[in-house]
Amino acid sequence: MSLSVKIPSSLTRYKIPIVVNEILTPDLEPKSDKIIFDLTEVSWIDPSGVAALYNIGKWIDGFDNIEVTFRIAEKGAGSFKNKMAMEYLEDCGFFEEFFGASDIYKENHACRDTTLPIRTLGVEQSFSWRYNVLKRWLQASTGRDLEFSGIQIGVEEIFNNIGDHSNRNIGCVFGQYFPNNNDRLVITISDFGLGIPTVMRRKYGDLEDHELVLQALKEGVSTESTPGNRGAGLPNIMRSLTSNKMLA
């Protein structure tokens, strides 16, 4: 029996738990062997929502005998806001992955220069990707000939954590630069790890989620991890992304 899940009209990172709870059991098992993501009422989707939805679809599709499909409004049939949201997904490379086509809504589809196309990335691929793809995209989209070393270090630590704590050593990466919104830059990495509170709770007891996250941010605090990365992850990410020299 198929399970149809209506995606919230405004899909942000805050709405993703709602979607996950509808399709997965507490043990992270799909609730049906055919899952349909209904996008017909989506009117707004931010970069985090794009990455998380893509990651969920790819993750579910990785199960044997599980079918994942997306229901979209026919061209010209949906609302204007839904059309704009779907065109954004198309620009991101979302439909090309799941439908095998990149011109569902736009005949002359081309990825925007300010968009880093969405893709899955293995931990072992992350080093060459962040240097050869991410850095070049950052330079081209912002017009700044910098190394963006702080961002690269942050991405490296995130993928170290994926390798340590996820049962699948892959993450979904996506980026968007907003030159007309105070030069805002969004880079989203989504994976299906156990989550910081869950991992920390095993070692530090039954504290509230926010208490466990604060504990994880302390220097030297660690759960079971690889020796070379023990206790350095989250503090290192925060330093690299909040330093005044992060763009150097």
C-alpha atoms as a PDB file:
ATOM      1  CA  MET A   1       0.000   0.000   0.000  1.00  0.00           C
ATOM      2  CA  SER A   2       1.387   3.399  -0.972  1.00  0.00           C
ATOM      3  CA  LEU A   3       1.917   6.257   1.465  1.00  0.00           C
ATOM      4  CA  SER A   4       1.306   9.773   0.154  1.00  0.00           C
ATOM      5  CA  VAL A   5       2.943  12.571   2.111  1.00  0.00           C
ATOM      6  CA  LYS A   6       1.853  16.142   1.454  1.00  0.00           C
ATOM      7  CA  ILE A   7       4.909  18.386   1.725  1.00  0.00           C
ATOM      8  CA  PRO A   8       4.212  21.568   3.773  1.00  0.00           C
ATOM      9  CA  SER A   9       3.480  24.693   1.735  1.00  0.00           C
ATOM     10  CA  SER A  10       6.522  26.399   3.256  1.00  0.00           C
ATOM     11  CA  LEU A  11       9.323  23.860   3.339  1.00  0.00           C
ATOM     12  CA  THR A  12      12.161  24.955   5.611  1.00  0.00           C
ATOM     13  CA  ARG A  13      14.512  23.018   7.870  1.00  0.00           C
ATOM     14  CA  TYR A  14      11.995  23.465  10.698  1.00  0.00           C
ATOM     15  CA  LYS A  15       9.353  21.469   8.797  1.00  0.00           C
ATOM     16  CA  ILE A  16      11.602  18.515   7.919  1.00  0.00           C
ATOM     17  CA  PRO A  17      10.916  16.600  11.203  1.00  0.00           C
ATOM     18  CA  ILE A  18       7.218  16.630  10.264  1.00  0.00           C
ATOM     19  CA  VAL A  19       8.003  14.947   6.936  1.00  0.00           C
ATOM     20  CA  VAL A  20      10.408  12.445   8.513  1.00  0.00           C
ATOM     21  CA  ASN A  21       7.862  11.422  11.168  1.00  0.00           C
ATOM     22  CA  GLU A  22       5.267  10.757   8.474  1.00  0.00           C
ATOM     23  CA  ILE A  23       7.427   8.402   6.447  1.00  0.00           C
ATOM     24  CA  LEU A  24       9.745   6.714   8.966  1.00  0.00           C
ATOM     25  CA  THR A  25       9.269   4.692  12.126  1.00  0.00           C
ATOM     26  CA  PRO A  26      11.266   5.627  15.282  1.00  0.00           C
ATOM     27  CA  ASP A  27      13.768   2.952  14.145  1.00  0.00           C
ATOM     28  CA  LEU A  28      14.253   4.816  10.843  1.00  0.00           C
ATOM     29  CA  GLU A  29      12.416   2.219   8.782  1.00  0.00           C
ATOM     30  CA  PRO A  30      10.107   3.315   5.922  1.00  0.00           C
ATOM     31  CA  LYS A  31       6.425   2.956   6.772  1.00  0.00           C
ATOM     32  CA  SER A  32       5.533   1.790   3.260  1.00  0.00           C
ATOM     33  CA  ASP A  33       7.163   0.157   0.254  1.00  0.00           C
ATOM     34  CA  LYS A  34       5.898   2.999  -1.967  1.00  0.00           C
ATOM     35  CA  ILE A  35       6.240   6.593  -0.771  1.00  0.00           C
ATOM     36  CA  ILE A  36       4.838   9.518  -2.738  1.00  0.00           C
ATOM     37  CA  PHE A  37       6.018  13.038  -1.903  1.00  0.00           C
ATOM     38  CA  ASP A  38       3.214  15.423  -2.902  1.00  0.00           C
ATOM     39  CA  LEU A  39       4.709  18.799  -3.932  1.00  0.00           C
ATOM     40  CA  THR A  40       1.520  20.268  -5.407  1.00  0.00           C
ATOM     41  CA  GLU A  41       0.900  22.722  -2.543  1.00  0.00           C
ATOM     42  CA  VAL A  42       4.486  23.868  -1.974  1.00  0.00           C
ATOM     43  CA  SER A  43       4.724  27.644  -2.353  1.00  0.00           C
ATOM     44  CA  TRP A  44       8.102  28.319  -0.746  1.00  0.00           C
ATOM     45  CA  ILE A  45      11.195  26.204  -0.272  1.00  0.00           C
ATOM     46  CA  ASP A  46      14.510  27.411   1.134  1.00  0.00           C
ATOM     47  CA  PRO A  47      17.975  25.894   0.513  1.00  0.00           C
ATOM     48  CA  SER A  48      17.836  23.818   3.692  1.00  0.00           C
ATOM     49  CA  GLY A  49      14.452  22.431   2.672  1.00  0.00           C
ATOM     50  CA  VAL A  50      15.789  21.560  -0.790  1.00  0.00           C
ATOM     51  CA  ALA A  51      18.770  19.671   0.629  1.00  0.00           C
ATOM     52  CA  ALA A  52      16.805  17.844   3.316  1.00  0.00           C
ATOM     53  CA  LEU A  53      14.038  16.724   0.918  1.00  0.00           C
ATOM     54  CA  TYR A  54      16.615  15.566  -1.623  1.00  0.00           C
ATOM     55  CA  ASN A  55      18.511  13.701   1.069  1.00  0.00           C
ATOM     56  CA  ILE A  56      15.370  11.991   2.366  1.00  0.00           C
ATOM     57  CA  GLY A  57      14.395  10.916  -1.143  1.00  0.00           C
ATOM     58  CA  LYS A  58      17.843   9.529  -1.915  1.00  0.00           C
ATOM     59  CA  TRP A  59      18.078   7.811   1.466  1.00  0.00           C
ATOM     60  CA  ILE A  60      14.684   6.092   1.129  1.00  0.00           C
ATOM     61  CA  ASP A  61      15.472   5.149  -2.462  1.00  0.00           C
ATOM     62  CA  GLY A  62      18.546   3.324  -1.168  1.00  0.00           C
ATOM     63  CA  PHE A  63      16.382   0.683   0.509  1.00  0.00           C
ATOM     64  CA  ASP A  64      15.746  -2.512  -1.430  1.00  0.00           C
ATOM     65  CA  ASN A  65      12.179  -2.794  -2.774  1.00  0.00           C
ATOM     66  CA  ILE A  66      11.215   0.748  -1.733  1.00  0.00           C
ATOM     67  CA  GLU A  67       9.820   3.011  -4.454  1.00  0.00           C
ATOM     68  CA  VAL A  68      10.027   6.803  -4.154  1.00  0.00           C
ATOM     69  CA  THR A  69       8.068   9.143  -6.410  1.00  0.00           C
ATOM     70  CA  PHE A  70       7.226  12.855  -6.429  1.00  0.00           C
ATOM     71  CA  ARG A  71       3.807  14.226  -7.345  1.00  0.00           C
ATOM     72  CA  ILE A  72       3.966  17.617  -9.041  1.00  0.00           C
ATOM     73  CA  ALA A  73       1.355  19.828 -10.663  1.00  0.00           C
ATOM     74  CA  GLU A  74       1.138  19.644 -14.421  1.00  0.00           C
ATOM     75  CA  LYS A  75       2.780  22.523 -16.225  1.00  0.00           C
ATOM     76  CA  GLY A  76       0.376  25.470 -16.133  1.00  0.00           C
ATOM     77  CA  ALA A  77      -1.976  23.838 -13.617  1.00  0.00           C
ATOM     78  CA  GLY A  78      -0.479  24.843 -10.265  1.00  0.00           C
ATOM     79  CA  SER A  79      -0.514  28.207  -8.508  1.00  0.00           C
ATOM     80  CA  PHE A  80       2.011  30.888  -9.434  1.00  0.00           C
ATOM     81  CA  LYS A  81       3.897  30.415  -6.155  1.00  0.00           C
ATOM     82  CA  ASN A  82       3.981  26.646  -6.664  1.00  0.00           C
ATOM     83  CA  LYS A  83       5.333  27.166 -10.184  1.00  0.00           C
ATOM     84  CA  MET A  84       8.108  29.410  -8.844  1.00  0.00           C
ATOM     85  CA  ALA A  85       9.014  26.887  -6.142  1.00  0.00           C
ATOM     86  CA  MET A  86       9.126  24.047  -8.666  1.00  0.00           C
ATOM     87  CA  GLU A  87      11.274  26.098 -11.039  1.00  0.00           C
ATOM     88  CA  TYR A  88      13.690  26.657  -8.179  1.00  0.00           C
ATOM     89  CA  LEU A  89      13.862  22.896  -7.576  1.00  0.00           C
ATOM     90  CA  GLU A  90      14.473  22.445 -11.290  1.00  0.00           C
ATOM     91  CA  ASP A  91      17.293  25.018 -11.226  1.00  0.00           C
ATOM     92  CA  CYS A  92      18.870  23.204  -8.279  1.00  0.00           C
ATOM     93  CA  GLY A  93      19.080  19.918 -10.199  1.00  0.00           C
ATOM     94  CA  PHE A  94      16.434  18.227  -8.057  1.00  0.00           C
ATOM     95  CA  PHE A  95      14.179  16.945 -10.834  1.00  0.00           C
ATOM     96  CA  GLU A  96      17.088  15.840 -12.970  1.00  0.00           C
ATOM     97  CA  GLU A  97      18.015  13.358 -10.246  1.00  0.00           C
ATOM     98  CA  PHE A  98      14.550  11.949  -9.557  1.00  0.00           C
ATOM     99  CA  PHE A  99      12.843  12.348 -12.947  1.00  0.00           C
ATOM    100  CA  GLY A 100      15.825  12.090 -15.269  1.00  0.00           C
ATOM    101  CA  ALA A 101      14.777  15.408 -16.843  1.00  0.00           C
ATOM    102  CA  SER A 102      15.750  19.011 -16.244  1.00  0.00           C
ATOM    103  CA  ASP A 103      13.158  20.785 -18.415  1.00  0.00           C
ATOM    104  CA  ILE A 104       9.830  19.920 -16.790  1.00  0.00           C
ATOM    105  CA  TYR A 105       8.858  23.532 -16.071  1.00  0.00           C
ATOM    106  CA  LYS A 106      11.405  25.530 -18.073  1.00  0.00           C
ATOM    107  CA  GLU A 107      12.207  24.705 -21.696  1.00  0.00           C
ATOM    108  CA  ASN A 108      15.600  26.391 -21.632  1.00  0.00           C
ATOM    109  CA  HIS A 109      16.774  25.214 -18.254  1.00  0.00           C
ATOM    110  CA  ALA A 110      20.109  26.464 -16.987  1.00  0.00           C
ATOM    111  CA  CYS A 111      21.465  26.417 -13.468  1.00  0.00           C
ATOM    112  CA  ARG A 112      21.937  29.920 -12.053  1.00  0.00           C
ATOM    113  CA  ASP A 113      25.504  31.059 -11.472  1.00  0.00           C
ATOM    114  CA  THR A 114      24.569  31.724  -7.848  1.00  0.00           C
ATOM    115  CA  THR A 115      23.409  28.124  -7.311  1.00  0.00           C
ATOM    116  CA  LEU A 116      25.682  25.235  -6.409  1.00  0.00           C
ATOM    117  CA  PRO A 117      23.784  22.251  -7.888  1.00  0.00           C
ATOM    118  CA  ILE A 118      22.535  19.709  -5.403  1.00  0.00           C
ATOM    119  CA  ARG A 119      24.260  16.325  -5.225  1.00  0.00           C
ATOM    120  CA  THR A 120      25.202  13.498  -2.912  1.00  0.00           C
ATOM    121  CA  LEU A 121      28.821  13.288  -1.846  1.00  0.00           C
ATOM    122  CA  GLY A 122      30.733  10.448  -0.218  1.00  0.00           C
ATOM    123  CA  VAL A 123      33.046  11.192   2.695  1.00  0.00           C
ATOM    124  CA  GLU A 124      36.023  10.072   0.632  1.00  0.00           C
ATOM    125  CA  GLN A 125      35.045  12.495  -2.167  1.00  0.00           C
ATOM    126  CA  SER A 126      34.654  15.530   0.066  1.00  0.00           C
ATOM    127  CA  PHE A 127      38.290  16.698   0.003  1.00  0.00           C
ATOM    128  CA  SER A 128      38.585  17.083  -3.755  1.00  0.00           C
ATOM    129  CA  TRP A 129      35.010  18.418  -4.026  1.00  0.00           C
ATOM    130  CA  ARG A 130      35.427  21.250  -1.535  1.00  0.00           C
ATOM    131  CA  TYR A 131      38.653  22.378  -3.213  1.00  0.00           C
ATOM    132  CA  ASN A 132      37.855  21.851  -6.893  1.00  0.00           C
ATOM    133  CA  VAL A 133      34.102  22.540  -6.888  1.00  0.00           C
ATOM    134  CA  LEU A 134      33.047  24.420  -3.764  1.00  0.00           C
ATOM    135  CA  LYS A 135      35.911  26.912  -3.714  1.00  0.00           C
ATOM    136  CA  ARG A 136      35.599  27.660  -7.421  1.00  0.00           C
ATOM    137  CA  TRP A 137      31.846  28.187  -7.108  1.00  0.00           C
ATOM    138  CA  LEU A 138      32.360  30.522  -4.147  1.00  0.00           C
ATOM    139  CA  GLN A 139      34.921  32.530  -6.091  1.00  0.00           C
ATOM    140  CA  ALA A 140      32.792  32.715  -9.234  1.00  0.00           C
ATOM    141  CA  SER A 141      29.482  33.537  -7.559  1.00  0.00           C
ATOM    142  CA  THR A 142      30.841  36.131  -5.124  1.00  0.00           C
ATOM    143  CA  GLY A 143      33.499  37.597  -7.414  1.00  0.00           C
ATOM    144  CA  ARG A 144      36.117  37.234  -4.681  1.00  0.00           C
ATOM    145  CA  ASP A 145      39.467  35.586  -5.421  1.00  0.00           C
ATOM    146  CA  LEU A 146      39.849  34.045  -1.957  1.00  0.00           C
ATOM    147  CA  GLU A 147      40.583  30.572  -0.613  1.00  0.00           C
ATOM    148  CA  PHE A 148      37.455  30.510   1.612  1.00  0.00           C
ATOM    149  CA  SER A 149      39.541  28.388   3.974  1.00  0.00           C
ATOM    150  CA  GLY A 150      37.170  28.749   6.925  1.00  0.00           C
ATOM    151  CA  ILE A 151      34.258  27.364   4.918  1.00  0.00           C
ATOM    152  CA  GLN A 152      36.428  24.529   3.594  1.00  0.00           C
ATOM    153  CA  ILE A 153      37.496  23.583   7.140  1.00  0.00           C
ATOM    154  CA  GLY A 154      33.884  23.639   8.308  1.00  0.00           C
ATOM    155  CA  VAL A 155      32.843  21.340   5.456  1.00  0.00           C
ATOM    156  CA  GLU A 156      35.760  19.009   6.227  1.00  0.00           C
ATOM    157  CA  GLU A 157      34.716  18.683   9.883  1.00  0.00           C
ATOM    158  CA  ILE A 158      31.088  18.064   8.940  1.00  0.00           C
ATOM    159  CA  PHE A 159      32.083  15.207   6.652  1.00  0.00           C
ATOM    160  CA  ASN A 160      34.387  13.843   9.357  1.00  0.00           C
ATOM    161  CA  ASN A 161      31.324  13.690  11.604  1.00  0.00           C
ATOM    162  CA  ILE A 162      29.283  12.015   8.874  1.00  0.00           C
ATOM    163  CA  GLY A 163      31.989   9.361   8.582  1.00  0.00           C
ATOM    164  CA  ASP A 164      31.983   8.875  12.347  1.00  0.00           C
ATOM    165  CA  HIS A 165      28.289   8.893  13.145  1.00  0.00           C
ATOM    166  CA  SER A 166      26.211   8.088  10.051  1.00  0.00           C
ATOM    167  CA  ASN A 167      25.301   4.580   8.944  1.00  0.00           C
ATOM    168  CA  ARG A 168      25.767   5.776   5.347  1.00  0.00           C
ATOM    169  CA  ASN A 169      28.969   7.660   4.635  1.00  0.00           C
ATOM    170  CA  ILE A 170      27.351  10.182   2.339  1.00  0.00           C
ATOM    171  CA  GLY A 171      25.913  13.652   2.677  1.00  0.00           C
ATOM    172  CA  CYS A 172      23.775  15.840   0.458  1.00  0.00           C
ATOM    173  CA  VAL A 173      25.371  19.198  -0.420  1.00  0.00           C
ATOM    174  CA  PHE A 174      23.740  22.300  -1.846  1.00  0.00           C
ATOM    175  CA  GLY A 175      24.622  25.987  -1.961  1.00  0.00           C
ATOM    176  CA  GLN A 176      22.918  29.264  -2.760  1.00  0.00           C
ATOM    177  CA  TYR A 177      24.352  32.779  -2.910  1.00  0.00           C
ATOM    178  CA  PHE A 178      21.964  35.723  -2.503  1.00  0.00           C
ATOM    179  CA  PRO A 179      23.739  38.839  -3.837  1.00  0.00           C
ATOM    180  CA  ASN A 180      20.600  40.962  -3.389  1.00  0.00           C
ATOM    181  CA  ASN A 181      20.101  39.872   0.222  1.00  0.00           C
ATOM    182  CA  ASN A 182      23.151  41.397   1.939  1.00  0.00           C
ATOM    183  CA  ASP A 183      25.486  38.979   0.122  1.00  0.00           C
ATOM    184  CA  ARG A 184      23.938  36.120   2.088  1.00  0.00           C
ATOM    185  CA  LEU A 185      25.548  32.743   1.479  1.00  0.00           C
ATOM    186  CA  VAL A 186      23.876  29.443   2.386  1.00  0.00           C
ATOM    187  CA  ILE A 187      25.650  26.087   2.202  1.00  0.00           C
ATOM    188  CA  THR A 188      23.562  23.143   3.375  1.00  0.00           C
ATOM    189  CA  ILE A 189      24.845  19.647   4.142  1.00  0.00           C
ATOM    190  CA  SER A 190      22.249  17.051   5.050  1.00  0.00           C
ATOM    191  CA  ASP A 191      22.754  13.438   6.120  1.00  0.00           C
ATOM    192  CA  PHE A 192      20.971  10.693   8.022  1.00  0.00           C
ATOM    193  CA  GLY A 193      23.227  10.414  11.025  1.00  0.00           C
ATOM    194  CA  LEU A 194      21.888   9.623  14.464  1.00  0.00           C
ATOM    195  CA  GLY A 195      21.920  13.261  15.539  1.00  0.00           C
ATOM    196  CA  ILE A 196      24.035  15.028  18.163  1.00  0.00           C
ATOM    197  CA  PRO A 197      21.600  14.562  21.102  1.00  0.00           C
ATOM    198  CA  THR A 198      21.171  10.843  20.436  1.00  0.00           C
ATOM    199  CA  VAL A 199      24.909  10.176  20.227  1.00  0.00           C
ATOM    200  CA  MET A 200      25.734  12.376  23.226  1.00  0.00           C
ATOM    201  CA  ARG A 201      22.969  10.856  25.363  1.00  0.00           C
ATOM    202  CA  ARG A 202      24.627   7.446  25.161  1.00  0.00           C
ATOM    203  CA  LYS A 203      27.653   8.769  26.996  1.00  0.00           C
ATOM    204  CA  TYR A 204      26.461  11.775  28.990  1.00  0.00           C
ATOM    205  CA  GLY A 205      23.057  10.682  30.223  1.00  0.00           C
ATOM    206  CA  ASP A 206      19.449  11.634  29.711  1.00  0.00           C
ATOM    207  CA  LEU A 207      19.755  15.424  29.431  1.00  0.00           C
ATOM    208  CA  GLU A 208      17.607  17.731  27.333  1.00  0.00           C
ATOM    209  CA  ASP A 209      18.568  18.008  23.653  1.00  0.00           C
ATOM    210  CA  HIS A 210      19.813  21.598  23.958  1.00  0.00           C
ATOM    211  CA  GLU A 211      21.942  20.674  27.012  1.00  0.00           C
ATOM    212  CA  LEU A 212      23.588  17.859  25.063  1.00  0.00           C
ATOM    213  CA  VAL A 213      24.321  20.141  22.103  1.00  0.00           C
ATOM    214  CA  LEU A 214      25.933  22.696  24.429  1.00  0.00           C
ATOM    215  CA  GLN A 215      27.991  19.892  25.985  1.00  0.00           C
ATOM    216  CA  ALA A 216      29.112  18.761  22.526  1.00  0.00           C
ATOM    217  CA  LEU A 217      30.363  22.276  21.787  1.00  0.00           C
ATOM    218  CA  LYS A 218      32.860  22.173  24.636  1.00  0.00           C
ATOM    219  CA  GLU A 219      36.499  21.694  23.709  1.00  0.00           C
ATOM    220  CA  GLY A 220      37.700  18.096  24.139  1.00  0.00           C
ATOM    221  CA  VAL A 221      34.230  16.585  24.646  1.00  0.00           C
ATOM    222  CA  SER A 222      33.795  13.476  22.546  1.00  0.00           C
ATOM    223  CA  THR A 223      31.695  10.403  21.945  1.00  0.00           C
ATOM    224  CA  GLU A 224      33.001   7.280  20.213  1.00  0.00           C
ATOM    225  CA  SER A 225      34.931   8.620  17.233  1.00  0.00           C
ATOM    226  CA  THR A 226      38.027   8.065  15.172  1.00  0.00           C
ATOM    227  CA  PRO A 227      41.209   8.983  17.118  1.00  0.00           C
ATOM    228  CA  GLY A 228      42.272  11.668  14.660  1.00  0.00           C
ATOM    229  CA  ASN A 229      38.974  13.511  14.987  1.00  0.00           C
ATOM    230  CA  ARG A 230      38.125  12.970  18.661  1.00  0.00           C
ATOM    231  CA  GLY A 231      36.786  16.057  20.404  1.00  0.00           C
ATOM    232  CA  ALA A 232      37.740  18.495  17.643  1.00  0.00           C
ATOM    233  CA  GLY A 233      34.663  18.486  15.408  1.00  0.00           C
ATOM    234  CA  LEU A 234      31.992  20.944  16.570  1.00  0.00           C
ATOM    235  CA  PRO A 235      34.304  23.493  18.249  1.00  0.00           C
ATOM    236  CA  ASN A 236      36.474  23.469  15.126  1.00  0.00           C
ATOM    237  CA  ILE A 237      33.441  24.022  12.903  1.00  0.00           C
ATOM    238  CA  MET A 238      32.324  26.967  15.025  1.00  0.00           C
ATOM    239  CA  ARG A 239      35.785  28.535  15.018  1.00  0.00           C
ATOM    240  CA  SER A 240      36.229  28.160  11.285  1.00  0.00           C
ATOM    241  CA  LEU A 241      32.813  29.605  10.423  1.00  0.00           C
ATOM    242  CA  THR A 242      32.732  32.464  12.918  1.00  0.00           C
ATOM    243  CA  SER A 243      36.312  33.702  12.656  1.00  0.00           C
ATOM    244  CA  ASN A 244      36.933  37.071  11.036  1.00  0.00           C
ATOM    245  CA  LYS A 245      39.387  35.266   8.792  1.00  0.00           C
ATOM    246  CA  MET A 246      36.926  32.638   7.549  1.00  0.00           C
ATOM    247  CA  LEU A 247      37.047  33.955   3.965  1.00  0.00           C
ATOM    248  CA  ALA A 248      40.824  34.186   3.719  1.00  0.00           C
END
